[in-house]
Every structure is written in structure tokens, then in C-alpha cells.
Amino acid sequence: WELNYLCGIYAASFLYIQLSKDHVLESKPLPIWMYILAGLFVGFGSRLGCGCTSGHGVCGLSRGSTRSIIATVTFMFTGFLTVYILRNTLGL
């Protein structure tokens, strides 16, 4: 099932890019190593955070879990900071 899941992610991304009229990804293609590194960071973060962002954000927040509130605030802050650094410092 894990291999099917990974293949589905790649297939959905490929189909979106091929069928979408808004080709945002074509403007600045990134090297493949950056995508691999990003995937490893996501996997590590999910393991470290005891769940994924969606799980904490949807299920954890709706039941008022303190751990999920802290995790979601951390995810959001880290995401905002990453976008700021990539756009304003590195120019990506």
C-alpha cells in the first residue's frame, strides 16, 4: 500500500501539471534533490511531531488537544518563516 500511495502522489502531481492551465511550477523548476530533501523533512517532521499537519490541524484542534494546538502553531510558523526566507533571502 505504501508504494501505491507514493505512486498516487506522483501521478496526481503529474496530471495536475499536465492538465492545469495555470503552470505555476514551470516558472522556476527546482532540482530533483530539493524535492527529495523536502520529502525527507516532511517524513521526519511527521514522525517527530507524532502525526501529520492535517491530523493535528483537523482532528486535534477540533477536540481541543493541547499537543495539537502547539504542533499546529509550530507548523504554521515554520511554514511562514520558510516562505519568507525562500522568497526574500534566496529569491526562489
C-alpha atoms as a PDB file:
ATOM      1  CA  TRP A   1       0.000   0.000   0.000  1.00  0.00           C
ATOM      2  CA  GLU A   2       2.901   2.347   0.644  1.00  0.00           C
ATOM      3  CA  LEU A   3       4.210   2.017  -2.892  1.00  0.00           C
ATOM      4  CA  ASN A   4       0.713   2.634  -4.264  1.00  0.00           C
ATOM      5  CA  TYR A   5       0.442   5.735  -2.090  1.00  0.00           C
ATOM      6  CA  LEU A   6       3.740   7.145  -3.391  1.00  0.00           C
ATOM      7  CA  CYS A   7       2.825   6.365  -6.986  1.00  0.00           C
ATOM      8  CA  GLY A   8      -0.521   8.099  -6.489  1.00  0.00           C
ATOM      9  CA  ILE A   9       1.164  11.235  -5.185  1.00  0.00           C
ATOM     10  CA  TYR A  10       3.471  11.402  -8.194  1.00  0.00           C
ATOM     11  CA  ALA A  11       0.689  10.576 -10.653  1.00  0.00           C
ATOM     12  CA  ALA A  12      -1.628  13.226  -9.209  1.00  0.00           C
ATOM     13  CA  SER A  13       1.114  15.856  -9.341  1.00  0.00           C
ATOM     14  CA  PHE A  14       1.971  14.956 -12.911  1.00  0.00           C
ATOM     15  CA  LEU A  15      -1.668  15.051 -14.007  1.00  0.00           C
ATOM     16  CA  TYR A  16      -2.243  18.374 -12.299  1.00  0.00           C
ATOM     17  CA  ILE A  17       0.713  19.942 -14.067  1.00  0.00           C
ATOM     18  CA  GLN A  18      -0.306  18.489 -17.434  1.00  0.00           C
ATOM     19  CA  LEU A  19      -3.994  19.405 -17.198  1.00  0.00           C
ATOM     20  CA  SER A  20      -3.768  22.725 -15.394  1.00  0.00           C
ATOM     21  CA  LYS A  21      -3.901  25.970 -17.330  1.00  0.00           C
ATOM     22  CA  ASP A  22      -2.004  27.666 -14.521  1.00  0.00           C
ATOM     23  CA  HIS A  23       1.527  26.299 -14.853  1.00  0.00           C
ATOM     24  CA  VAL A  24       2.988  27.847 -11.735  1.00  0.00           C
ATOM     25  CA  LEU A  25       5.603  25.131 -11.345  1.00  0.00           C
ATOM     26  CA  GLU A  26       7.083  25.765 -14.782  1.00  0.00           C
ATOM     27  CA  SER A  27       8.237  29.275 -13.909  1.00  0.00           C
ATOM     28  CA  LYS A  28      11.099  28.185 -11.635  1.00  0.00           C
ATOM     29  CA  PRO A  29      11.833  24.469 -11.781  1.00  0.00           C
ATOM     30  CA  LEU A  30      13.814  23.156  -8.850  1.00  0.00           C
ATOM     31  CA  PRO A  31      16.467  20.446  -8.893  1.00  0.00           C
ATOM     32  CA  ILE A  32      15.241  16.970  -8.011  1.00  0.00           C
ATOM     33  CA  TRP A  33      17.439  16.832  -4.890  1.00  0.00           C
ATOM     34  CA  MET A  34      15.386  19.673  -3.367  1.00  0.00           C
ATOM     35  CA  TYR A  35      12.176  17.670  -3.762  1.00  0.00           C
ATOM     36  CA  ILE A  36      13.804  14.608  -2.232  1.00  0.00           C
ATOM     37  CA  LEU A  37      15.147  16.650   0.676  1.00  0.00           C
ATOM     38  CA  ALA A  38      11.729  18.243   1.204  1.00  0.00           C
ATOM     39  CA  GLY A  39      10.102  14.802   1.295  1.00  0.00           C
ATOM     40  CA  LEU A  40      12.599  13.584   3.867  1.00  0.00           C
ATOM     41  CA  PHE A  41      11.943  16.662   6.016  1.00  0.00           C
ATOM     42  CA  VAL A  42       8.194  16.084   5.828  1.00  0.00           C
ATOM     43  CA  GLY A  43       8.600  12.453   6.841  1.00  0.00           C
ATOM     44  CA  PHE A  44      10.947  13.344   9.683  1.00  0.00           C
ATOM     45  CA  GLY A  45       8.615  16.119  10.870  1.00  0.00           C
ATOM     46  CA  SER A  46       5.600  13.800  10.832  1.00  0.00           C
ATOM     47  CA  ARG A  47       7.481  11.276  12.920  1.00  0.00           C
ATOM     48  CA  LEU A  48       8.867  13.910  15.293  1.00  0.00           C
ATOM     49  CA  GLY A  49       5.501  15.650  15.676  1.00  0.00           C
ATOM     50  CA  CYS A  50       3.621  12.403  16.388  1.00  0.00           C
ATOM     51  CA  GLY A  51       1.378  12.891  13.380  1.00  0.00           C
ATOM     52  CA  CYS A  52       0.885  14.893  10.250  1.00  0.00           C
ATOM     53  CA  THR A  53      -0.149  18.524   9.904  1.00  0.00           C
ATOM     54  CA  SER A  54      -3.641  17.575   8.741  1.00  0.00           C
ATOM     55  CA  GLY A  55      -4.155  15.182  11.617  1.00  0.00           C
ATOM     56  CA  HIS A  56      -3.171  17.760  14.208  1.00  0.00           C
ATOM     57  CA  GLY A  57      -4.917  20.625  12.427  1.00  0.00           C
ATOM     58  CA  VAL A  58      -8.245  18.935  11.732  1.00  0.00           C
ATOM     59  CA  CYS A  59      -8.706  16.202  14.324  1.00  0.00           C
ATOM     60  CA  GLY A  60      -6.514  17.500  17.133  1.00  0.00           C
ATOM     61  CA  LEU A  61      -7.768  21.077  17.096  1.00  0.00           C
ATOM     62  CA  SER A  62     -11.402  20.019  16.876  1.00  0.00           C
ATOM     63  CA  ARG A  63     -11.056  18.033  20.086  1.00  0.00           C
ATOM     64  CA  GLY A  64      -9.036  20.731  21.831  1.00  0.00           C
ATOM     65  CA  SER A  65      -5.791  18.797  22.208  1.00  0.00           C
ATOM     66  CA  THR A  66      -3.050  20.965  23.714  1.00  0.00           C
ATOM     67  CA  ARG A  67      -0.397  18.966  21.888  1.00  0.00           C
ATOM     68  CA  SER A  68      -2.169  19.573  18.556  1.00  0.00           C
ATOM     69  CA  ILE A  69      -2.581  23.292  19.215  1.00  0.00           C
ATOM     70  CA  ILE A  70       1.144  23.643  19.882  1.00  0.00           C
ATOM     71  CA  ALA A  71       2.014  21.454  16.890  1.00  0.00           C
ATOM     72  CA  THR A  72      -0.264  23.395  14.523  1.00  0.00           C
ATOM     73  CA  VAL A  73       1.097  26.769  15.648  1.00  0.00           C
ATOM     74  CA  THR A  74       4.629  25.416  15.181  1.00  0.00           C
ATOM     75  CA  PHE A  75       3.828  24.059  11.699  1.00  0.00           C
ATOM     76  CA  MET A  76       2.264  27.338  10.611  1.00  0.00           C
ATOM     77  CA  PHE A  77       5.074  29.497  11.990  1.00  0.00           C
ATOM     78  CA  THR A  78       7.712  27.306  10.378  1.00  0.00           C
ATOM     79  CA  GLY A  79       5.868  27.423   7.061  1.00  0.00           C
ATOM     80  CA  PHE A  80       5.568  31.224   7.153  1.00  0.00           C
ATOM     81  CA  LEU A  81       9.236  31.567   8.067  1.00  0.00           C
ATOM     82  CA  THR A  82      10.329  29.188   5.300  1.00  0.00           C
ATOM     83  CA  VAL A  83       8.363  31.071   2.629  1.00  0.00           C
ATOM     84  CA  TYR A  84       9.720  34.390   3.866  1.00  0.00           C
ATOM     85  CA  ILE A  85      13.314  33.154   3.750  1.00  0.00           C
ATOM     86  CA  LEU A  86      12.946  31.493   0.347  1.00  0.00           C
ATOM     87  CA  ARG A  87      11.300  34.496  -1.279  1.00  0.00           C
ATOM     88  CA  ASN A  88      13.140  37.384   0.365  1.00  0.00           C
ATOM     89  CA  THR A  89      16.573  35.963   1.052  1.00  0.00           C
ATOM     90  CA  LEU A  90      17.210  33.303  -1.565  1.00  0.00           C
ATOM     91  CA  GLY A  91      14.951  34.750  -4.273  1.00  0.00           C
ATOM     92  CA  LEU A  92      13.178  31.462  -5.074  1.00  0.00           C
END
